[in-house]
Amino acid sequence: MIFDGGSLVGLRPNAIVARGIARTFQSIRLFQNMTVLENVLVGEHCRLAASVPGAVLRPPAVIAEEGRARVRARELLAFVGLGARPRR
């Protein structure tokens, strides 16, 4: 299987996800107590590099990475027509 010019054959699942391919089950469950933006951010976790200590201590690099994830999540929401409602 080829995606974006590169072979996916034999790659581990985490390597495939890192290339931008993921799947969900047909009956996805959203976190109902979270906003649309927060639900999209959950999906961005696989692209973040912060370690557990980094996520707890939140040094400037982690804060910047989280900011980039928020920008990306807002872009994705705008792409599907939900950009004006990220807090619902």
PDB file of N, CA and C in Angstrom:
ATOM      1  N   MET A   1       0.852  -1.159   0.000  1.00  0.00           N
ATOM      2  CA  MET A   1       0.000   0.000   0.000  1.00  0.00           C
ATOM      3  C   MET A   1       0.908   1.234   0.000  1.00  0.00           C
ATOM      4  N   ILE A   2       0.579   2.186  -0.853  1.00  0.00           N
ATOM      5  CA  ILE A   2       1.350   3.421  -0.989  1.00  0.00           C
ATOM      6  C   ILE A   2       0.486   4.590  -0.526  1.00  0.00           C
ATOM      7  N   PHE A   3       1.068   5.459   0.281  1.00  0.00           N
ATOM      8  CA  PHE A   3       0.380   6.675   0.713  1.00  0.00           C
ATOM      9  C   PHE A   3       1.354   7.827   0.615  1.00  0.00           C
ATOM     10  N   ASP A   4       0.949   8.862  -0.074  1.00  0.00           N
ATOM     11  CA  ASP A   4       1.763  10.074  -0.216  1.00  0.00           C
ATOM     12  C   ASP A   4       3.172   9.752  -0.720  1.00  0.00           C
ATOM     13  N   GLY A   5       3.246   8.794  -1.646  1.00  0.00           N
ATOM     14  CA  GLY A   5       4.519   8.453  -2.267  1.00  0.00           C
ATOM     15  C   GLY A   5       5.394   7.476  -1.509  1.00  0.00           C
ATOM     16  N   GLY A   6       4.956   7.009  -0.340  1.00  0.00           N
ATOM     17  CA  GLY A   6       5.764   6.082   0.449  1.00  0.00           C
ATOM     18  C   GLY A   6       5.002   4.808   0.770  1.00  0.00           C
ATOM     19  N   SER A   7       5.716   3.705   0.864  1.00  0.00           N
ATOM     20  CA  SER A   7       5.101   2.418   1.168  1.00  0.00           C
ATOM     21  C   SER A   7       4.745   2.325   2.651  1.00  0.00           C
ATOM     22  N   LEU A   8       3.590   1.729   2.924  1.00  0.00           N
ATOM     23  CA  LEU A   8       3.163   1.477   4.302  1.00  0.00           C
ATOM     24  C   LEU A   8       3.333   0.010   4.683  1.00  0.00           C
ATOM     25  N   VAL A   9       3.741  -0.811   3.731  1.00  0.00           N
ATOM     26  CA  VAL A   9       3.860  -2.250   3.944  1.00  0.00           C
ATOM     27  C   VAL A   9       4.890  -2.530   5.032  1.00  0.00           C
ATOM     28  N   GLY A  10       4.478  -3.300   6.029  1.00  0.00           N
ATOM     29  CA  GLY A  10       5.377  -3.719   7.090  1.00  0.00           C
ATOM     30  C   GLY A  10       5.602  -2.704   8.198  1.00  0.00           C
ATOM     31  N   LEU A  11       5.000  -1.515   8.078  1.00  0.00           N
ATOM     32  CA  LEU A  11       5.190  -0.508   9.127  1.00  0.00           C
ATOM     33  C   LEU A  11       4.346  -0.845  10.345  1.00  0.00           C
ATOM     34  N   ARG A  12       4.861  -0.495  11.507  1.00  0.00           N
ATOM     35  CA  ARG A  12       4.102  -0.671  12.747  1.00  0.00           C
ATOM     36  C   ARG A  12       2.961   0.345  12.766  1.00  0.00           C
ATOM     37  N   PRO A  13       1.877   0.053  13.475  1.00  0.00           N
ATOM     38  CA  PRO A  13       0.736   0.974  13.506  1.00  0.00           C
ATOM     39  C   PRO A  13       1.102   2.402  13.908  1.00  0.00           C
ATOM     40  N   ASN A  14       1.999   2.566  14.889  1.00  0.00           N
ATOM     41  CA  ASN A  14       2.354   3.925  15.304  1.00  0.00           C
ATOM     42  C   ASN A  14       3.088   4.676  14.199  1.00  0.00           C
ATOM     43  N   ALA A  15       3.839   3.974  13.368  1.00  0.00           N
ATOM     44  CA  ALA A  15       4.523   4.619  12.244  1.00  0.00           C
ATOM     45  C   ALA A  15       3.525   5.034  11.167  1.00  0.00           C
ATOM     46  N   ILE A  16       2.483   4.236  10.982  1.00  0.00           N
ATOM     47  CA  ILE A  16       1.435   4.591  10.017  1.00  0.00           C
ATOM     48  C   ILE A  16       0.671   5.815  10.505  1.00  0.00           C
ATOM     49  N   VAL A  17       0.343   5.849  11.785  1.00  0.00           N
ATOM     50  CA  VAL A  17      -0.347   7.011  12.360  1.00  0.00           C
ATOM     51  C   VAL A  17       0.512   8.258  12.219  1.00  0.00           C
ATOM     52  N   ALA A  18       1.809   8.128  12.424  1.00  0.00           N
ATOM     53  CA  ALA A  18       2.712   9.277  12.304  1.00  0.00           C
ATOM     54  C   ALA A  18       2.712   9.852  10.890  1.00  0.00           C
ATOM     55  N   ARG A  19       2.344   9.043   9.913  1.00  0.00           N
ATOM     56  CA  ARG A  19       2.266   9.519   8.530  1.00  0.00           C
ATOM     57  C   ARG A  19       0.910  10.139   8.212  1.00  0.00           C
ATOM     58  N   GLY A  20      -0.013  10.113   9.176  1.00  0.00           N
ATOM     59  CA  GLY A  20      -1.293  10.797   8.996  1.00  0.00           C
ATOM     60  C   GLY A  20      -2.476   9.907   8.696  1.00  0.00           C
ATOM     61  N   ILE A  21      -2.331   8.609   8.898  1.00  0.00           N
ATOM     62  CA  ILE A  21      -3.433   7.687   8.644  1.00  0.00           C
ATOM     63  C   ILE A  21      -3.872   7.086   9.970  1.00  0.00           C
ATOM     64  N   ALA A  22      -5.151   7.122  10.217  1.00  0.00           N
ATOM     65  CA  ALA A  22      -5.707   6.506  11.422  1.00  0.00           C
ATOM     66  C   ALA A  22      -7.101   6.007  11.082  1.00  0.00           C
ATOM     67  N   ARG A  23      -7.654   5.224  11.942  1.00  0.00           N
ATOM     68  CA  ARG A  23      -9.011   4.754  11.717  1.00  0.00           C
ATOM     69  C   ARG A  23      -9.787   4.813  13.015  1.00  0.00           C
ATOM     70  N   THR A  24     -11.077   4.848  12.862  1.00  0.00           N
ATOM     71  CA  THR A  24     -11.961   4.766  14.017  1.00  0.00           C
ATOM     72  C   THR A  24     -12.947   3.641  13.754  1.00  0.00           C
ATOM     73  N   PHE A  25     -13.539   3.160  14.792  1.00  0.00           N
ATOM     74  CA  PHE A  25     -14.610   2.198  14.624  1.00  0.00           C
ATOM     75  C   PHE A  25     -15.846   2.953  14.163  1.00  0.00           C
ATOM     76  N   GLN A  26     -16.789   2.259  13.564  1.00  0.00           N
ATOM     77  CA  GLN A  26     -17.969   2.931  13.033  1.00  0.00           C
ATOM     78  C   GLN A  26     -18.800   3.591  14.124  1.00  0.00           C
ATOM     79  N   SER A  27     -18.767   3.077  15.306  1.00  0.00           N
ATOM     80  CA  SER A  27     -19.547   3.674  16.395  1.00  0.00           C
ATOM     81  C   SER A  27     -18.610   4.459  17.314  1.00  0.00           C
ATOM     82  N   ILE A  28     -18.090   5.573  16.780  1.00  0.00           N
ATOM     83  CA  ILE A  28     -17.175   6.377  17.588  1.00  0.00           C
ATOM     84  C   ILE A  28     -17.920   6.980  18.771  1.00  0.00           C
ATOM     85  N   ARG A  29     -17.207   7.218  19.812  1.00  0.00           N
ATOM     86  CA  ARG A  29     -17.780   7.840  21.004  1.00  0.00           C
ATOM     87  C   ARG A  29     -17.020   9.128  21.270  1.00  0.00           C
ATOM     88  N   LEU A  30     -17.747  10.205  21.357  1.00  0.00           N
ATOM     89  CA  LEU A  30     -17.144  11.477  21.717  1.00  0.00           C
ATOM     90  C   LEU A  30     -17.218  11.637  23.220  1.00  0.00           C
ATOM     91  N   PHE A  31     -16.366  12.478  23.751  1.00  0.00           N
ATOM     92  CA  PHE A  31     -16.421  12.797  25.171  1.00  0.00           C
ATOM     93  C   PHE A  31     -17.474  13.885  25.333  1.00  0.00           C
ATOM     94  N   GLN A  32     -18.632  13.524  25.845  1.00  0.00           N
ATOM     95  CA  GLN A  32     -19.753  14.455  25.878  1.00  0.00           C
ATOM     96  C   GLN A  32     -19.539  15.627  26.822  1.00  0.00           C
ATOM     97  N   ASN A  33     -18.672  15.486  27.800  1.00  0.00           N
ATOM     98  CA  ASN A  33     -18.425  16.588  28.733  1.00  0.00           C
ATOM     99  C   ASN A  33     -17.303  17.501  28.246  1.00  0.00           C
ATOM    100  N   MET A  34     -16.839  17.279  27.005  1.00  0.00           N
ATOM    101  CA  MET A  34     -15.770  18.096  26.438  1.00  0.00           C
ATOM    102  C   MET A  34     -16.298  18.857  25.226  1.00  0.00           C
ATOM    103  N   THR A  35     -15.643  19.970  24.907  1.00  0.00           N
ATOM    104  CA  THR A  35     -16.036  20.764  23.750  1.00  0.00           C
ATOM    105  C   THR A  35     -15.609  20.064  22.456  1.00  0.00           C
ATOM    106  N   VAL A  36     -16.122  20.577  21.341  1.00  0.00           N
ATOM    107  CA  VAL A  36     -15.720  20.063  20.033  1.00  0.00           C
ATOM    108  C   VAL A  36     -14.205  20.189  19.876  1.00  0.00           C
ATOM    109  N   LEU A  37     -13.679  21.344  20.236  1.00  0.00           N
ATOM    110  CA  LEU A  37     -12.235  21.575  20.135  1.00  0.00           C
ATOM    111  C   LEU A  37     -11.461  20.560  20.976  1.00  0.00           C
ATOM    112  N   GLU A  38     -11.889  20.328  22.192  1.00  0.00           N
ATOM    113  CA  GLU A  38     -11.198  19.373  23.065  1.00  0.00           C
ATOM    114  C   GLU A  38     -11.253  17.956  22.497  1.00  0.00           C
ATOM    115  N   ASN A  39     -12.380  17.578  21.900  1.00  0.00           N
ATOM    116  CA  ASN A  39     -12.483  16.258  21.281  1.00  0.00           C
ATOM    117  C   ASN A  39     -11.508  16.118  20.120  1.00  0.00           C
ATOM    118  N   VAL A  40     -11.352  17.164  19.315  1.00  0.00           N
ATOM    119  CA  VAL A  40     -10.393  17.113  18.209  1.00  0.00           C
ATOM    120  C   VAL A  40      -8.971  17.058  18.758  1.00  0.00           C
ATOM    121  N   LEU A  41      -8.711  17.786  19.829  1.00  0.00           N
ATOM    122  CA  LEU A  41      -7.374  17.765  20.433  1.00  0.00           C
ATOM    123  C   LEU A  41      -7.000  16.370  20.930  1.00  0.00           C
ATOM    124  N   VAL A  42      -7.978  15.597  21.370  1.00  0.00           N
ATOM    125  CA  VAL A  42      -7.698  14.217  21.779  1.00  0.00           C
ATOM    126  C   VAL A  42      -7.088  13.451  20.607  1.00  0.00           C
ATOM    127  N   GLY A  43      -7.598  13.702  19.408  1.00  0.00           N
ATOM    128  CA  GLY A  43      -7.062  13.040  18.226  1.00  0.00           C
ATOM    129  C   GLY A  43      -5.682  13.524  17.825  1.00  0.00           C
ATOM    130  N   GLU A  44      -5.298  14.682  18.291  1.00  0.00           N
ATOM    131  CA  GLU A  44      -3.980  15.236  17.973  1.00  0.00           C
ATOM    132  C   GLU A  44      -2.881  14.662  18.869  1.00  0.00           C
ATOM    133  N   HIS A  45      -3.250  13.939  19.920  1.00  0.00           N
ATOM    134  CA  HIS A  45      -2.249  13.468  20.885  1.00  0.00           C
ATOM    135  C   HIS A  45      -1.157  12.626  20.242  1.00  0.00           C
ATOM    136  N   CYS A  46      -1.494  11.892  19.183  1.00  0.00           N
ATOM    137  CA  CYS A  46      -0.491  11.012  18.568  1.00  0.00           C
ATOM    138  C   CYS A  46       0.597  11.797  17.845  1.00  0.00           C
ATOM    139  N   ARG A  47       0.388  13.087  17.644  1.00  0.00           N
ATOM    140  CA  ARG A  47       1.384  13.917  16.972  1.00  0.00           C
ATOM    141  C   ARG A  47       2.241  14.717  17.951  1.00  0.00           C
ATOM    142  N   LEU A  48       1.940  14.630  19.230  1.00  0.00           N
ATOM    143  CA  LEU A  48       2.684  15.392  20.233  1.00  0.00           C
ATOM    144  C   LEU A  48       3.884  14.584  20.719  1.00  0.00           C
ATOM    145  N   ALA A  49       4.963  15.272  20.993  1.00  0.00           N
ATOM    146  CA  ALA A  49       6.200  14.599  21.391  1.00  0.00           C
ATOM    147  C   ALA A  49       6.472  14.665  22.892  1.00  0.00           C
ATOM    148  N   ALA A  50       5.643  15.350  23.647  1.00  0.00           N
ATOM    149  CA  ALA A  50       5.900  15.539  25.076  1.00  0.00           C
ATOM    150  C   ALA A  50       5.898  14.205  25.820  1.00  0.00           C
ATOM    151  N   SER A  51       6.841  14.059  26.713  1.00  0.00           N
ATOM    152  CA  SER A  51       6.899  12.886  27.580  1.00  0.00           C
ATOM    153  C   SER A  51       5.921  13.094  28.735  1.00  0.00           C
ATOM    154  N   VAL A  52       5.737  12.074  29.540  1.00  0.00           N
ATOM    155  CA  VAL A  52       4.861  12.215  30.706  1.00  0.00           C
ATOM    156  C   VAL A  52       5.383  13.307  31.641  1.00  0.00           C
ATOM    157  N   PRO A  53       6.689  13.305  31.992  1.00  0.00           N
ATOM    158  CA  PRO A  53       7.175  14.399  32.843  1.00  0.00           C
ATOM    159  C   PRO A  53       6.994  15.771  32.180  1.00  0.00           C
ATOM    160  N   GLY A  54       7.218  15.836  30.872  1.00  0.00           N
ATOM    161  CA  GLY A  54       7.041  17.101  30.168  1.00  0.00           C
ATOM    162  C   GLY A  54       5.604  17.573  30.197  1.00  0.00           C
ATOM    163  N   ALA A  55       4.666  16.624  30.051  1.00  0.00           N
ATOM    164  CA  ALA A  55       3.250  16.981  30.092  1.00  0.00           C
ATOM    165  C   ALA A  55       2.842  17.474  31.476  1.00  0.00           C
ATOM    166  N   VAL A  56       3.470  16.928  32.512  1.00  0.00           N
ATOM    167  CA  VAL A  56       3.153  17.348  33.883  1.00  0.00           C
ATOM    168  C   VAL A  56       3.813  18.686  34.211  1.00  0.00           C
ATOM    169  N   LEU A  57       5.088  18.825  33.875  1.00  0.00           N
ATOM    170  CA  LEU A  57       5.841  20.035  34.227  1.00  0.00           C
ATOM    171  C   LEU A  57       5.588  21.195  33.263  1.00  0.00           C
ATOM    172  N   ARG A  58       5.181  20.882  32.037  1.00  0.00           N
ATOM    173  CA  ARG A  58       4.823  21.862  31.014  1.00  0.00           C
ATOM    174  C   ARG A  58       5.878  22.946  30.787  1.00  0.00           C
ATOM    175  N   PRO A  59       7.079  22.547  30.379  1.00  0.00           N
ATOM    176  CA  PRO A  59       8.094  23.549  30.031  1.00  0.00           C
ATOM    177  C   PRO A  59       7.656  24.312  28.774  1.00  0.00           C
ATOM    178  N   PRO A  60       8.341  25.410  28.451  1.00  0.00           N
ATOM    179  CA  PRO A  60       7.942  26.231  27.300  1.00  0.00           C
ATOM    180  C   PRO A  60       7.790  25.451  25.993  1.00  0.00           C
ATOM    181  N   ALA A  61       8.637  24.468  25.752  1.00  0.00           N
ATOM    182  CA  ALA A  61       8.535  23.694  24.510  1.00  0.00           C
ATOM    183  C   ALA A  61       7.217  22.928  24.433  1.00  0.00           C
ATOM    184  N   VAL A  62       6.772  22.392  25.558  1.00  0.00           N
ATOM    185  CA  VAL A  62       5.505  21.654  25.592  1.00  0.00           C
ATOM    186  C   VAL A  62       4.337  22.619  25.411  1.00  0.00           C
ATOM    187  N   ILE A  63       4.397  23.767  26.040  1.00  0.00           N
ATOM    188  CA  ILE A  63       3.337  24.770  25.891  1.00  0.00           C
ATOM    189  C   ILE A  63       3.237  25.207  24.430  1.00  0.00           C
ATOM    190  N   ALA A  64       4.379  25.404  23.780  1.00  0.00           N
ATOM    191  CA  ALA A  64       4.383  25.785  22.366  1.00  0.00           C
ATOM    192  C   ALA A  64       3.795  24.673  21.501  1.00  0.00           C
ATOM    193  N   GLU A  65       4.148  23.433  21.816  1.00  0.00           N
ATOM    194  CA  GLU A  65       3.620  22.298  21.062  1.00  0.00           C
ATOM    195  C   GLU A  65       2.104  22.197  21.220  1.00  0.00           C
ATOM    196  N   GLU A  66       1.612  22.409  22.435  1.00  0.00           N
ATOM    197  CA  GLU A  66       0.169  22.397  22.668  1.00  0.00           C
ATOM    198  C   GLU A  66      -0.516  23.520  21.890  1.00  0.00           C
ATOM    199  N   GLY A  67       0.132  24.662  21.811  1.00  0.00           N
ATOM    200  CA  GLY A  67      -0.414  25.780  21.039  1.00  0.00           C
ATOM    201  C   GLY A  67      -0.530  25.432  19.565  1.00  0.00           C
ATOM    202  N   ARG A  68       0.489  24.775  19.027  1.00  0.00           N
ATOM    203  CA  ARG A  68       0.440  24.351  17.625  1.00  0.00           C
ATOM    204  C   ARG A  68      -0.666  23.324  17.408  1.00  0.00           C
ATOM    205  N   ALA A  69      -0.873  22.445  18.389  1.00  0.00           N
ATOM    206  CA  ALA A  69      -1.945  21.449  18.285  1.00  0.00           C
ATOM    207  C   ALA A  69      -3.306  22.138  18.270  1.00  0.00           C
ATOM    208  N   ARG A  70      -3.466  23.180  19.077  1.00  0.00           N
ATOM    209  CA  ARG A  70      -4.731  23.930  19.080  1.00  0.00           C
ATOM    210  C   ARG A  70      -4.970  24.617  17.738  1.00  0.00           C
ATOM    211  N   VAL A  71      -3.926  25.185  17.169  1.00  0.00           N
ATOM    212  CA  VAL A  71      -4.053  25.826  15.852  1.00  0.00           C
ATOM    213  C   VAL A  71      -4.483  24.784  14.824  1.00  0.00           C
ATOM    214  N   ARG A  72      -3.836  23.631  14.830  1.00  0.00           N
ATOM    215  CA  ARG A  72      -4.171  22.559  13.886  1.00  0.00           C
ATOM    216  C   ARG A  72      -5.604  22.079  14.088  1.00  0.00           C
ATOM    217  N   ALA A  73      -6.027  21.923  15.334  1.00  0.00           N
ATOM    218  CA  ALA A  73      -7.394  21.482  15.615  1.00  0.00           C
ATOM    219  C   ALA A  73      -8.402  22.500  15.099  1.00  0.00           C
ATOM    220  N   ARG A  74      -8.129  23.774  15.284  1.00  0.00           N
ATOM    221  CA  ARG A  74      -9.032  24.814  14.769  1.00  0.00           C
ATOM    222  C   ARG A  74      -9.071  24.799  13.241  1.00  0.00           C
ATOM    223  N   GLU A  75      -7.935  24.542  12.603  1.00  0.00           N
ATOM    224  CA  GLU A  75      -7.903  24.429  11.142  1.00  0.00           C
ATOM    225  C   GLU A  75      -8.771  23.263  10.677  1.00  0.00           C
ATOM    226  N   LEU A  76      -8.677  22.142  11.375  1.00  0.00           N
ATOM    227  CA  LEU A  76      -9.485  20.980  11.016  1.00  0.00           C
ATOM    228  C   LEU A  76     -10.969  21.265  11.202  1.00  0.00           C
ATOM    229  N   LEU A  77     -11.320  21.939  12.284  1.00  0.00           N
ATOM    230  CA  LEU A  77     -12.719  22.299  12.511  1.00  0.00           C
ATOM    231  C   LEU A  77     -13.225  23.238  11.427  1.00  0.00           C
ATOM    232  N   ALA A  78     -12.415  24.194  11.032  1.00  0.00           N
ATOM    233  CA  ALA A  78     -12.809  25.110   9.957  1.00  0.00           C
ATOM    234  C   ALA A  78     -12.988  24.342   8.648  1.00  0.00           C
ATOM    235  N   PHE A  79     -12.130  23.368   8.399  1.00  0.00           N
ATOM    236  CA  PHE A  79     -12.199  22.575   7.172  1.00  0.00           C
ATOM    237  C   PHE A  79     -13.535  21.849   7.047  1.00  0.00           C
ATOM    238  N   VAL A  80     -14.080  21.379   8.172  1.00  0.00           N
ATOM    239  CA  VAL A  80     -15.358  20.651   8.134  1.00  0.00           C
ATOM    240  C   VAL A  80     -16.550  21.541   8.470  1.00  0.00           C
ATOM    241  N   GLY A  81     -16.322  22.849   8.520  1.00  0.00           N
ATOM    242  CA  GLY A  81     -17.425  23.786   8.726  1.00  0.00           C
ATOM    243  C   GLY A  81     -17.818  24.016  10.171  1.00  0.00           C
ATOM    244  N   LEU A  82     -16.971  23.642  11.108  1.00  0.00           N
ATOM    245  CA  LEU A  82     -17.278  23.835  12.530  1.00  0.00           C
ATOM    246  C   LEU A  82     -16.357  24.849  13.191  1.00  0.00           C
ATOM    247  N   GLY A  83     -15.667  25.630  12.393  1.00  0.00           N
ATOM    248  CA  GLY A  83     -14.701  26.576  12.937  1.00  0.00           C
ATOM    249  C   GLY A  83     -15.297  27.631  13.837  1.00  0.00           C
ATOM    250  N   ALA A  84     -16.549  27.973  13.625  1.00  0.00           N
ATOM    251  CA  ALA A  84     -17.186  29.015  14.431  1.00  0.00           C
ATOM    252  C   ALA A  84     -17.749  28.472  15.736  1.00  0.00           C
ATOM    253  N   ARG A  85     -17.684  27.143  15.950  1.00  0.00           N
ATOM    254  CA  ARG A  85     -18.310  26.563  17.141  1.00  0.00           C
ATOM    255  C   ARG A  85     -17.381  25.636  17.922  1.00  0.00           C
ATOM    256  N   PRO A  86     -16.147  26.041  18.173  1.00  0.00           N
ATOM    257  CA  PRO A  86     -15.214  25.113  18.826  1.00  0.00           C
ATOM    258  C   PRO A  86     -15.490  24.875  20.307  1.00  0.00           C
ATOM    259  N   ARG A  87     -16.281  25.717  20.939  1.00  0.00           N
ATOM    260  CA  ARG A  87     -16.502  25.570  22.386  1.00  0.00           C
ATOM    261  C   ARG A  87     -17.817  24.885  22.722  1.00  0.00           C
ATOM    262  N   ARG A  88     -18.487  24.348  21.756  1.00  0.00           N
ATOM    263  CA  ARG A  88     -19.757  23.655  22.018  1.00  0.00           C
ATOM    264  C   ARG A  88     -19.535  22.188  22.228  1.00  0.00           C
TER     265      ARG A  88
END
